[in-house]
Amino acid sequence: MADNADIRADDFKAEPYWWDRTPRPNLGEPELPSEVDVAIIGSGYTGLCAAIQVARGGRSTVVLDAEEAGWGCSSRNGGQISTSIKPDYEALARKHGAETAFNIVKEGHRSLAFMKDFVAE
């Protein structure tokens, strides 16, 4: 595979620009517990949300990830959360009917409200 470095801008950086101001902490190698009730694989939004809910339910919980926290999609693409549903309402209505399309779009709004409440907790 050819080196594509020559097509990049002179100031190209492989890391997100926001790590300049808020770098990821160097936590070192953690000591893992010998036993847990629940092991969550992945430290993105879904994994961390699941881990917090499980821990709040009184279960011992550990989150495992192949990389450091903040390395994957939650960091690299800005971790966007929105009500954006694709395809849009009109396309969904044509394919599945107006009621189903409405329910799908409404679920997007409920998920955003859930995340707002979850973060506030």
C-alpha atoms as a PDB file:
ATOM      1  CA  MET A   1       0.000   0.000   0.000  1.00  0.00           C
ATOM      2  CA  ALA A   2       1.409   3.378  -0.976  1.00  0.00           C
ATOM      3  CA  ASP A   3       2.117   6.029   1.636  1.00  0.00           C
ATOM      4  CA  ASN A   4      -0.535   8.757   1.260  1.00  0.00           C
ATOM      5  CA  ALA A   5       1.305  11.293   3.421  1.00  0.00           C
ATOM      6  CA  ASP A   6       1.938  13.475   0.380  1.00  0.00           C
ATOM      7  CA  ILE A   7      -1.809  14.135  -0.086  1.00  0.00           C
ATOM      8  CA  ARG A   8      -2.292  15.497   3.438  1.00  0.00           C
ATOM      9  CA  ALA A   9      -2.073  19.106   4.514  1.00  0.00           C
ATOM     10  CA  ASP A  10       1.177  20.181   6.163  1.00  0.00           C
ATOM     11  CA  ASP A  11      -0.579  20.621   9.511  1.00  0.00           C
ATOM     12  CA  PHE A  12      -2.452  17.267   9.370  1.00  0.00           C
ATOM     13  CA  LYS A  13      -2.949  15.577  12.730  1.00  0.00           C
ATOM     14  CA  ALA A  14      -4.393  12.107  13.207  1.00  0.00           C
ATOM     15  CA  GLU A  15      -5.954  13.093  16.550  1.00  0.00           C
ATOM     16  CA  PRO A  16      -9.116  15.190  16.996  1.00  0.00           C
ATOM     17  CA  TYR A  17      -8.351  18.877  17.498  1.00  0.00           C
ATOM     18  CA  TRP A  18     -10.260  19.005  20.816  1.00  0.00           C
ATOM     19  CA  TRP A  19      -7.657  16.700  22.401  1.00  0.00           C
ATOM     20  CA  ASP A  20      -5.258  19.674  22.288  1.00  0.00           C
ATOM     21  CA  ARG A  21      -7.289  21.456  24.951  1.00  0.00           C
ATOM     22  CA  THR A  22      -8.616  18.411  26.797  1.00  0.00           C
ATOM     23  CA  PRO A  23      -6.191  15.530  26.403  1.00  0.00           C
ATOM     24  CA  ARG A  24      -7.177  12.050  27.455  1.00  0.00           C
ATOM     25  CA  PRO A  25      -5.814  11.120  30.878  1.00  0.00           C
ATOM     26  CA  ASN A  26      -3.055   8.555  31.128  1.00  0.00           C
ATOM     27  CA  LEU A  27      -4.617   6.042  33.493  1.00  0.00           C
ATOM     28  CA  GLY A  28      -2.041   3.291  33.105  1.00  0.00           C
ATOM     29  CA  GLU A  29      -2.913  -0.373  33.310  1.00  0.00           C
ATOM     30  CA  PRO A  30      -5.917  -0.893  35.579  1.00  0.00           C
ATOM     31  CA  GLU A  31      -6.123  -3.729  38.051  1.00  0.00           C
ATOM     32  CA  LEU A  32      -9.070  -5.818  36.951  1.00  0.00           C
ATOM     33  CA  PRO A  33     -11.326  -7.431  39.528  1.00  0.00           C
ATOM     34  CA  SER A  34     -11.174 -11.229  39.722  1.00  0.00           C
ATOM     35  CA  GLU A  35     -14.960 -11.423  39.520  1.00  0.00           C
ATOM     36  CA  VAL A  36     -17.828  -9.170  38.400  1.00  0.00           C
ATOM     37  CA  ASP A  37     -21.537  -9.576  37.834  1.00  0.00           C
ATOM     38  CA  VAL A  38     -21.452  -7.842  34.455  1.00  0.00           C
ATOM     39  CA  ALA A  39     -18.639  -7.102  31.996  1.00  0.00           C
ATOM     40  CA  ILE A  40     -19.433  -4.435  29.412  1.00  0.00           C
ATOM     41  CA  ILE A  41     -17.407  -4.517  26.187  1.00  0.00           C
ATOM     42  CA  GLY A  42     -16.867  -1.030  24.751  1.00  0.00           C
ATOM     43  CA  SER A  43     -16.535   2.370  26.400  1.00  0.00           C
ATOM     44  CA  GLY A  44     -18.627   4.382  23.952  1.00  0.00           C
ATOM     45  CA  TYR A  45     -22.010   5.926  24.725  1.00  0.00           C
ATOM     46  CA  THR A  46     -23.809   2.589  24.644  1.00  0.00           C
ATOM     47  CA  GLY A  47     -21.301   0.719  26.786  1.00  0.00           C
ATOM     48  CA  LEU A  48     -20.942   3.442  29.404  1.00  0.00           C
ATOM     49  CA  CYS A  49     -24.698   4.007  29.549  1.00  0.00           C
ATOM     50  CA  ALA A  50     -25.260   0.278  30.063  1.00  0.00           C
ATOM     51  CA  ALA A  51     -22.537   0.109  32.715  1.00  0.00           C
ATOM     52  CA  ILE A  52     -23.977   3.001  34.699  1.00  0.00           C
ATOM     53  CA  GLN A  53     -27.481   1.513  34.597  1.00  0.00           C
ATOM     54  CA  VAL A  54     -26.223  -1.908  35.688  1.00  0.00           C
ATOM     55  CA  ALA A  55     -24.115  -0.410  38.494  1.00  0.00           C
ATOM     56  CA  ARG A  56     -27.074   1.688  39.662  1.00  0.00           C
ATOM     57  CA  GLY A  57     -28.987  -1.586  39.844  1.00  0.00           C
ATOM     58  CA  GLY A  58     -26.493  -2.821  42.412  1.00  0.00           C
ATOM     59  CA  ARG A  59     -24.378  -5.129  40.235  1.00  0.00           C
ATOM     60  CA  SER A  60     -20.584  -5.104  40.232  1.00  0.00           C
ATOM     61  CA  THR A  61     -19.603  -3.886  36.781  1.00  0.00           C
ATOM     62  CA  VAL A  62     -16.462  -3.465  34.708  1.00  0.00           C
ATOM     63  CA  VAL A  63     -16.064  -1.776  31.317  1.00  0.00           C
ATOM     64  CA  LEU A  64     -13.497  -3.254  28.938  1.00  0.00           C
ATOM     65  CA  ASP A  65     -12.239  -1.681  25.728  1.00  0.00           C
ATOM     66  CA  ALA A  66      -9.439  -2.515  23.305  1.00  0.00           C
ATOM     67  CA  GLU A  67      -8.336   1.128  23.304  1.00  0.00           C
ATOM     68  CA  GLU A  68      -8.293   4.000  25.767  1.00  0.00           C
ATOM     69  CA  ALA A  69     -11.568   5.660  26.680  1.00  0.00           C
ATOM     70  CA  GLY A  70     -12.349   8.389  24.183  1.00  0.00           C
ATOM     71  CA  TRP A  71     -10.484   6.710  21.329  1.00  0.00           C
ATOM     72  CA  GLY A  72     -13.377   5.490  19.181  1.00  0.00           C
ATOM     73  CA  CYS A  73     -16.462   6.967  17.567  1.00  0.00           C
ATOM     74  CA  SER A  74     -17.620   8.888  20.633  1.00  0.00           C
ATOM     75  CA  SER A  75     -14.521  11.016  20.247  1.00  0.00           C
ATOM     76  CA  ARG A  76     -13.524  10.857  16.600  1.00  0.00           C
ATOM     77  CA  ASN A  77     -16.863  11.916  15.093  1.00  0.00           C
ATOM     78  CA  GLY A  78     -17.886  14.220  17.910  1.00  0.00           C
ATOM     79  CA  GLY A  79     -20.274  11.676  19.412  1.00  0.00           C
ATOM     80  CA  GLN A  80     -23.366  13.248  17.947  1.00  0.00           C
ATOM     81  CA  ILE A  81     -26.753  12.539  19.470  1.00  0.00           C
ATOM     82  CA  SER A  82     -29.809  13.774  17.627  1.00  0.00           C
ATOM     83  CA  THR A  83     -33.339  12.901  16.568  1.00  0.00           C
ATOM     84  CA  SER A  84     -32.180  12.547  12.987  1.00  0.00           C
ATOM     85  CA  ILE A  85     -33.843   9.492  11.455  1.00  0.00           C
ATOM     86  CA  LYS A  86     -32.864   8.190   8.052  1.00  0.00           C
ATOM     87  CA  PRO A  87     -34.702   7.719   5.860  1.00  0.00           C
ATOM     88  CA  ASP A  88     -36.841  10.777   6.613  1.00  0.00           C
ATOM     89  CA  TYR A  89     -40.508  10.726   7.598  1.00  0.00           C
ATOM     90  CA  GLU A  90     -41.838  10.947   4.038  1.00  0.00           C
ATOM     91  CA  ALA A  91     -39.746   7.992   2.854  1.00  0.00           C
ATOM     92  CA  LEU A  92     -40.701   5.966   5.931  1.00  0.00           C
ATOM     93  CA  ALA A  93     -44.387   6.756   5.424  1.00  0.00           C
ATOM     94  CA  ARG A  94     -44.276   5.628   1.789  1.00  0.00           C
ATOM     95  CA  LYS A  95     -42.632   2.347   2.762  1.00  0.00           C
ATOM     96  CA  HIS A  96     -44.289   1.536   6.112  1.00  0.00           C
ATOM     97  CA  GLY A  97     -47.341   3.788   6.396  1.00  0.00           C
ATOM     98  CA  ALA A  98     -47.910   7.057   8.218  1.00  0.00           C
ATOM     99  CA  GLU A  99     -48.502   5.573  11.679  1.00  0.00           C
ATOM    100  CA  THR A 100     -45.304   3.503  11.689  1.00  0.00           C
ATOM    101  CA  ALA A 101     -43.313   6.427  10.276  1.00  0.00           C
ATOM    102  CA  PHE A 102     -44.684   8.693  13.012  1.00  0.00           C
ATOM    103  CA  ASN A 103     -43.753   6.146  15.691  1.00  0.00           C
ATOM    104  CA  ILE A 104     -40.194   5.814  14.347  1.00  0.00           C
ATOM    105  CA  VAL A 105     -39.672   9.586  14.332  1.00  0.00           C
ATOM    106  CA  LYS A 106     -41.259   9.869  17.787  1.00  0.00           C
ATOM    107  CA  GLU A 107     -38.830   7.223  19.075  1.00  0.00           C
ATOM    108  CA  GLY A 108     -35.953   9.455  17.957  1.00  0.00           C
ATOM    109  CA  HIS A 109     -37.389  12.298  20.036  1.00  0.00           C
ATOM    110  CA  ARG A 110     -37.900   9.990  23.032  1.00  0.00           C
ATOM    111  CA  SER A 111     -34.297   8.794  22.782  1.00  0.00           C
ATOM    112  CA  LEU A 112     -33.019  12.370  22.859  1.00  0.00           C
ATOM    113  CA  ALA A 113     -35.181  13.134  25.901  1.00  0.00           C
ATOM    114  CA  PHE A 114     -33.862   9.954  27.563  1.00  0.00           C
ATOM    115  CA  MET A 115     -30.250  11.036  26.975  1.00  0.00           C
ATOM    116  CA  LYS A 116     -30.938  14.514  28.351  1.00  0.00           C
ATOM    117  CA  ASP A 117     -32.465  13.034  31.511  1.00  0.00           C
ATOM    118  CA  PHE A 118     -29.712  10.410  31.777  1.00  0.00           C
ATOM    119  CA  VAL A 119     -26.955  13.040  31.623  1.00  0.00           C
ATOM    120  CA  ALA A 120     -28.807  15.209  34.152  1.00  0.00           C
ATOM    121  CA  GLU A 121     -28.937  12.264  36.588  1.00  0.00           C
END
